[in-house]
C-alpha atoms as a PDB file:
ATOM      1  CA  MET A   1       6.562   9.170 -17.550  1.00  0.00           C
ATOM      2  CA  GLU A   2       3.970   7.224 -15.586  1.00  0.00           C
ATOM      3  CA  LEU A   3       0.454   6.905 -17.038  1.00  0.00           C
ATOM      4  CA  TRP A   4      -2.622   6.212 -14.916  1.00  0.00           C
ATOM      5  CA  ASP A   5      -5.947   4.837 -16.105  1.00  0.00           C
ATOM      6  CA  LEU A   6      -8.866   6.982 -14.986  1.00  0.00           C
ATOM      7  CA  TYR A   7     -12.105   5.751 -13.433  1.00  0.00           C
ATOM      8  CA  ASP A   8     -15.534   7.291 -12.971  1.00  0.00           C
ATOM      9  CA  LYS A   9     -17.359   7.740  -9.655  1.00  0.00           C
ATOM     10  CA  HIS A  10     -18.719   4.181  -9.934  1.00  0.00           C
ATOM     11  CA  ARG A  11     -15.197   2.786 -10.292  1.00  0.00           C
ATOM     12  CA  ARG A  12     -15.731   1.996 -13.929  1.00  0.00           C
ATOM     13  CA  LEU A  13     -12.728   2.372 -16.174  1.00  0.00           C
ATOM     14  CA  THR A  14     -13.028   5.298 -18.540  1.00  0.00           C
ATOM     15  CA  GLU A  15     -11.099   5.426 -21.790  1.00  0.00           C
ATOM     16  CA  GLN A  16      -8.968   8.255 -20.406  1.00  0.00           C
ATOM     17  CA  THR A  17      -5.458   8.236 -18.997  1.00  0.00           C
ATOM     18  CA  MET A  18      -3.377  10.898 -17.342  1.00  0.00           C
ATOM     19  CA  VAL A  19       0.286  11.523 -16.674  1.00  0.00           C
ATOM     20  CA  ARG A  20       1.287  11.280 -13.031  1.00  0.00           C
ATOM     21  CA  GLY A  21       1.712  14.800 -11.657  1.00  0.00           C
ATOM     22  CA  ASP A  22      -0.748  16.427 -14.055  1.00  0.00           C
ATOM     23  CA  ALA A  23      -3.988  17.915 -12.748  1.00  0.00           C
ATOM     24  CA  MET A  24      -6.784  15.389 -12.444  1.00  0.00           C
ATOM     25  CA  ILE A  25      -9.584  15.670 -14.982  1.00  0.00           C
ATOM     26  CA  LYS A  26     -12.856  16.713 -13.325  1.00  0.00           C
ATOM     27  CA  ASP A  27     -14.948  13.802 -12.028  1.00  0.00           C
ATOM     28  CA  THR A  28     -12.218  11.206 -12.621  1.00  0.00           C
ATOM     29  CA  TYR A  29     -10.309   9.053 -10.161  1.00  0.00           C
ATOM     30  CA  HIS A  30      -7.176   6.903 -10.144  1.00  0.00           C
ATOM     31  CA  LEU A  31      -6.348   3.606  -8.440  1.00  0.00           C
ATOM     32  CA  VAL A  32      -3.839   3.223  -5.617  1.00  0.00           C
ATOM     33  CA  ILE A  33      -2.824   0.004  -3.870  1.00  0.00           C
ATOM     34  CA  HIS A  34      -1.304  -0.885  -0.527  1.00  0.00           C
ATOM     35  CA  VAL A  35       0.088  -4.270   0.452  1.00  0.00           C
ATOM     36  CA  VAL A  36       0.398  -4.986   4.155  1.00  0.00           C
ATOM     37  CA  ILE A  37       2.725  -7.861   5.001  1.00  0.00           C
ATOM     38  CA  PHE A  38       2.596  -9.643   8.377  1.00  0.00           C
ATOM     39  CA  ASN A  39       4.874 -12.308   9.811  1.00  0.00           C
ATOM     40  CA  SER A  40       4.056 -15.134  12.225  1.00  0.00           C
ATOM     41  CA  LYS A  41       5.117 -12.943  15.187  1.00  0.00           C
ATOM     42  CA  ASN A  42       2.184 -10.580  14.517  1.00  0.00           C
ATOM     43  CA  GLN A  43       4.514  -7.885  13.207  1.00  0.00           C
ATOM     44  CA  MET A  44       3.916  -5.701  10.166  1.00  0.00           C
ATOM     45  CA  LEU A  45       6.687  -5.152   7.651  1.00  0.00           C
ATOM     46  CA  ILE A  46       7.127  -1.387   7.410  1.00  0.00           C
ATOM     47  CA  GLN A  47       9.242   0.669   5.034  1.00  0.00           C
ATOM     48  CA  LYS A  48      10.933   4.035   5.313  1.00  0.00           C
ATOM     49  CA  ARG A  49      10.280   6.281   2.340  1.00  0.00           C
ATOM     50  CA  LYS A  50      13.332   7.904   0.737  1.00  0.00           C
ATOM     51  CA  TYR A  51      14.241  11.470   1.684  1.00  0.00           C
ATOM     52  CA  ASP A  52      13.499  12.726  -1.847  1.00  0.00           C
ATOM     53  CA  LYS A  53       9.921  11.412  -2.152  1.00  0.00           C
ATOM     54  CA  VAL A  54       7.406  14.147  -2.991  1.00  0.00           C
ATOM     55  CA  SER A  55       4.916  13.072  -0.336  1.00  0.00           C
ATOM     56  CA  ASN A  56       5.894  12.017   3.176  1.00  0.00           C
ATOM     57  CA  PRO A  57       9.668  11.945   2.648  1.00  0.00           C
ATOM     58  CA  ASN A  58      11.732  10.091   5.247  1.00  0.00           C
ATOM     59  CA  MET A  59       8.586   8.758   6.915  1.00  0.00           C
ATOM     60  CA  TRP A  60       7.853   5.171   7.875  1.00  0.00           C
ATOM     61  CA  ASP A  61       4.904   3.628   6.040  1.00  0.00           C
ATOM     62  CA  ILE A  62       3.033   0.346   5.782  1.00  0.00           C
ATOM     63  CA  SER A  63       4.721  -2.380   3.732  1.00  0.00           C
ATOM     64  CA  VAL A  64       4.001  -1.215   0.166  1.00  0.00           C
ATOM     65  CA  GLY A  65       2.041   1.538  -1.534  1.00  0.00           C
ATOM     66  CA  GLY A  66       1.745   3.060  -4.967  1.00  0.00           C
ATOM     67  CA  SER A  67      -0.370   3.929  -7.952  1.00  0.00           C
ATOM     68  CA  VAL A  68      -1.607   1.378 -10.445  1.00  0.00           C
ATOM     69  CA  THR A  69      -0.310   2.256 -13.911  1.00  0.00           C
ATOM     70  CA  ALA A  70      -2.292   2.239 -17.145  1.00  0.00           C
ATOM     71  CA  GLY A  71      -3.229  -1.251 -18.290  1.00  0.00           C
ATOM     72  CA  GLU A  72      -2.701  -2.881 -14.893  1.00  0.00           C
ATOM     73  CA  THR A  73      -5.293  -4.421 -12.643  1.00  0.00           C
ATOM     74  CA  SER A  74      -5.291  -3.727  -8.937  1.00  0.00           C
ATOM     75  CA  GLN A  75      -3.643  -7.107  -8.353  1.00  0.00           C
ATOM     76  CA  THR A  76      -0.891  -6.721 -10.957  1.00  0.00           C
ATOM     77  CA  GLY A  77      -0.158  -3.200  -9.703  1.00  0.00           C
ATOM     78  CA  ALA A  78       0.153  -4.505  -6.134  1.00  0.00           C
ATOM     79  CA  MET A  79       2.483  -7.320  -7.226  1.00  0.00           C
ATOM     80  CA  ARG A  80       4.661  -4.917  -9.251  1.00  0.00           C
ATOM     81  CA  GLU A  81       4.884  -2.363  -6.433  1.00  0.00           C
ATOM     82  CA  THR A  82       5.824  -5.079  -3.914  1.00  0.00           C
ATOM     83  CA  GLU A  83       8.661  -6.253  -6.122  1.00  0.00           C
ATOM     84  CA  GLU A  84       9.818  -2.686  -6.883  1.00  0.00           C
ATOM     85  CA  GLU A  85       9.771  -1.471  -3.286  1.00  0.00           C
ATOM     86  CA  LEU A  86      10.879  -4.576  -1.388  1.00  0.00           C
ATOM     87  CA  GLY A  87      12.154  -7.064  -3.950  1.00  0.00           C
ATOM     88  CA  LEU A  88       9.480  -9.581  -2.858  1.00  0.00           C
ATOM     89  CA  GLN A  89       7.435 -11.586  -5.317  1.00  0.00           C
ATOM     90  CA  ILE A  90       3.847 -12.235  -4.268  1.00  0.00           C
ATOM     91  CA  ASP A  91       0.936 -13.763  -6.166  1.00  0.00           C
ATOM     92  CA  LEU A  92      -2.348 -11.884  -5.867  1.00  0.00           C
ATOM     93  CA  HIS A  93      -3.916 -13.079  -9.141  1.00  0.00           C
ATOM     94  CA  ASN A  94      -6.760 -14.862  -7.323  1.00  0.00           C
ATOM     95  CA  GLN A  95      -7.022 -12.534  -4.337  1.00  0.00           C
ATOM     96  CA  LEU A  96      -9.436  -9.693  -3.791  1.00  0.00           C
ATOM     97  CA  PRO A  97      -8.406  -6.681  -1.722  1.00  0.00           C
ATOM     98  CA  HIS A  98      -9.167  -7.023   1.979  1.00  0.00           C
ATOM     99  CA  LEU A  99     -10.305  -3.394   2.000  1.00  0.00           C
ATOM    100  CA  SER A 100     -11.204  -0.864  -0.674  1.00  0.00           C
ATOM    101  CA  MET A 101     -11.509   2.757   0.346  1.00  0.00           C
ATOM    102  CA  THR A 102     -12.219   5.924  -1.523  1.00  0.00           C
ATOM    103  CA  PHE A 103     -10.357   9.168  -1.129  1.00  0.00           C
ATOM    104  CA  GLU A 104     -10.794  12.564  -2.747  1.00  0.00           C
ATOM    105  CA  ARG A 105      -9.217  11.659  -6.097  1.00  0.00           C
ATOM    106  CA  GLY A 106      -9.252   7.892  -6.188  1.00  0.00           C
ATOM    107  CA  TYR A 107      -9.701   4.400  -4.883  1.00  0.00           C
ATOM    108  CA  ASP A 108      -7.313   2.590  -2.542  1.00  0.00           C
ATOM    109  CA  ASP A 109      -7.205  -1.225  -2.550  1.00  0.00           C
ATOM    110  CA  ILE A 110      -5.475  -2.797   0.433  1.00  0.00           C
ATOM    111  CA  TYR A 111      -4.158  -6.355   0.284  1.00  0.00           C
ATOM    112  CA  ILE A 112      -3.026  -8.285   3.336  1.00  0.00           C
ATOM    113  CA  VAL A 113      -0.316 -10.918   2.918  1.00  0.00           C
ATOM    114  CA  ASN A 114       0.972 -13.279   5.590  1.00  0.00           C
ATOM    115  CA  ARG A 115       4.537 -14.380   4.933  1.00  0.00           C
ATOM    116  CA  GLU A 116       7.994 -14.446   6.382  1.00  0.00           C
ATOM    117  CA  ALA A 117      10.819 -12.333   5.006  1.00  0.00           C
ATOM    118  CA  GLU A 118      14.312 -11.675   6.265  1.00  0.00           C
ATOM    119  CA  ILE A 119      15.047  -7.954   6.335  1.00  0.00           C
ATOM    120  CA  ASN A 120      18.590  -8.478   5.034  1.00  0.00           C
ATOM    121  CA  GLU A 121      17.188 -10.305   1.989  1.00  0.00           C
ATOM    122  CA  LEU A 122      14.931  -7.437   0.897  1.00  0.00           C
ATOM    123  CA  ALA A 123      16.023  -5.250  -2.025  1.00  0.00           C
ATOM    124  CA  VAL A 124      16.313  -2.231   0.271  1.00  0.00           C
ATOM    125  CA  PRO A 125      17.586   0.463  -0.035  1.00  0.00           C
ATOM    126  CA  ASN A 126      16.444   1.294  -3.555  1.00  0.00           C
ATOM    127  CA  ASP A 127      15.052   4.263  -5.535  1.00  0.00           C
ATOM    128  CA  GLU A 128      11.924   4.500  -3.357  1.00  0.00           C
ATOM    129  CA  VAL A 129      12.675   2.902   0.000  1.00  0.00           C
ATOM    130  CA  SER A 130      15.603   3.626   2.310  1.00  0.00           C
ATOM    131  CA  ASP A 131      14.940   1.035   5.038  1.00  0.00           C
ATOM    132  CA  ALA A 132      12.556  -1.693   6.194  1.00  0.00           C
ATOM    133  CA  LYS A 133      11.862  -3.479   9.458  1.00  0.00           C
ATOM    134  CA  TRP A 134       9.273  -5.537  11.313  1.00  0.00           C
ATOM    135  CA  ALA A 135       7.157  -3.655  13.868  1.00  0.00           C
ATOM    136  CA  THR A 136       4.448  -4.473  16.381  1.00  0.00           C
ATOM    137  CA  ILE A 137       1.235  -2.500  16.522  1.00  0.00           C
ATOM    138  CA  ASP A 138       2.459  -0.685  19.652  1.00  0.00           C
ATOM    139  CA  GLU A 139       5.692   0.301  17.923  1.00  0.00           C
ATOM    140  CA  ILE A 140       3.714   1.668  14.973  1.00  0.00           C
ATOM    141  CA  TYR A 141       1.450   3.632  17.328  1.00  0.00           C
ATOM    142  CA  GLU A 142       4.531   5.146  19.004  1.00  0.00           C
ATOM    143  CA  MET A 143       5.932   6.106  15.605  1.00  0.00           C
ATOM    144  CA  ILE A 144       2.623   7.749  14.650  1.00  0.00           C
ATOM    145  CA  ASP A 145       2.720   9.693  17.933  1.00  0.00           C
ATOM    146  CA  ASP A 146       6.370  10.653  17.322  1.00  0.00           C
ATOM    147  CA  ARG A 147       5.474  11.749  13.781  1.00  0.00           C
ATOM    148  CA  THR A 148       8.013   9.402  12.230  1.00  0.00           C
ATOM    149  CA  PHE A 149       5.252   7.241  10.670  1.00  0.00           C
ATOM    150  CA  ILE A 150       2.701   8.539   8.156  1.00  0.00           C
ATOM    151  CA  ASN A 151      -0.274   9.893  10.069  1.00  0.00           C
ATOM    152  CA  TYR A 152      -2.688   7.030   9.455  1.00  0.00           C
ATOM    153  CA  ARG A 153      -5.646   6.695  11.768  1.00  0.00           C
ATOM    154  CA  LYS A 154      -4.670   4.281  14.519  1.00  0.00           C
ATOM    155  CA  SER A 155      -8.028   2.588  13.996  1.00  0.00           C
ATOM    156  CA  LEU A 156      -6.948   1.709  10.433  1.00  0.00           C
ATOM    157  CA  ILE A 157      -3.706   0.172  11.697  1.00  0.00           C
ATOM    158  CA  GLN A 158      -5.736  -1.795  14.277  1.00  0.00           C
ATOM    159  CA  LEU A 159      -8.135  -2.953  11.561  1.00  0.00           C
ATOM    160  CA  LEU A 160      -5.245  -4.179   9.400  1.00  0.00           C
ATOM    161  CA  PHE A 161      -3.877  -6.219  12.301  1.00  0.00           C
ATOM    162  CA  ASP A 162      -7.378  -7.542  13.068  1.00  0.00           C
ATOM    163  CA  MET A 163      -8.058  -8.568   9.451  1.00  0.00           C
ATOM    164  CA  ARG A 164      -4.820 -10.352   8.746  1.00  0.00           C
ATOM    165  CA  TYR A 165      -6.399 -13.814   8.573  1.00  0.00           C
ATOM    166  CA  GLN A 166      -9.838 -13.072   7.113  1.00  0.00           C
ATOM    167  CA  TYR A 167     -11.958 -10.841   4.951  1.00  0.00           C
ATOM    168  CA  GLY A 168     -14.837  -8.696   6.133  1.00  0.00           C
ATOM    169  CA  GLY A 169     -15.968  -7.077   9.340  1.00  0.00           C
ATOM    170  CA  VAL A 170     -17.541 -10.123  10.974  1.00  0.00           C
ATOM    171  CA  ILE A 171     -15.433 -12.238  13.309  1.00  0.00           C
ATOM    172  CA  ARG A 172     -15.583 -15.881  12.288  1.00  0.00           C
ATOM    173  CA  ASP A 173     -14.573 -18.662  14.662  1.00  0.00           C
END
């Protein structure tokens, strides 16, 4: 049983939790994270979700994604999910998300990490991920068009590639 902390509309932690899969309590939100990993060849590490996942089964996705469990911070949730899904240890203790977005029932923090990883050294396949590979932006766009990649907005994928070395929406020389 997975427990989620609940937040209010101002992203303040409430004293409420919920069990994953239960109906959300009115006017509450939960926290989701994504970690996007890039290598020095300007490729994104992408993962293929297992065939038995409830949402988007057998679809390619960005590097890591999942819900933050009760008692975790955004950073510790992102580190845990990265280790669970790929077997990679990352340190985000002193890092803020590159992007934070809201969606209907929650908040989504997106971290960008630049690092090398050999595909054959990842802990894949596992309970959540069936495959992983490096992909260029054009390859990801083709997969979105072919409906083999989760239907993210291409502009979001572009933004992730554009932000891989800096925070914010202003280009700094």
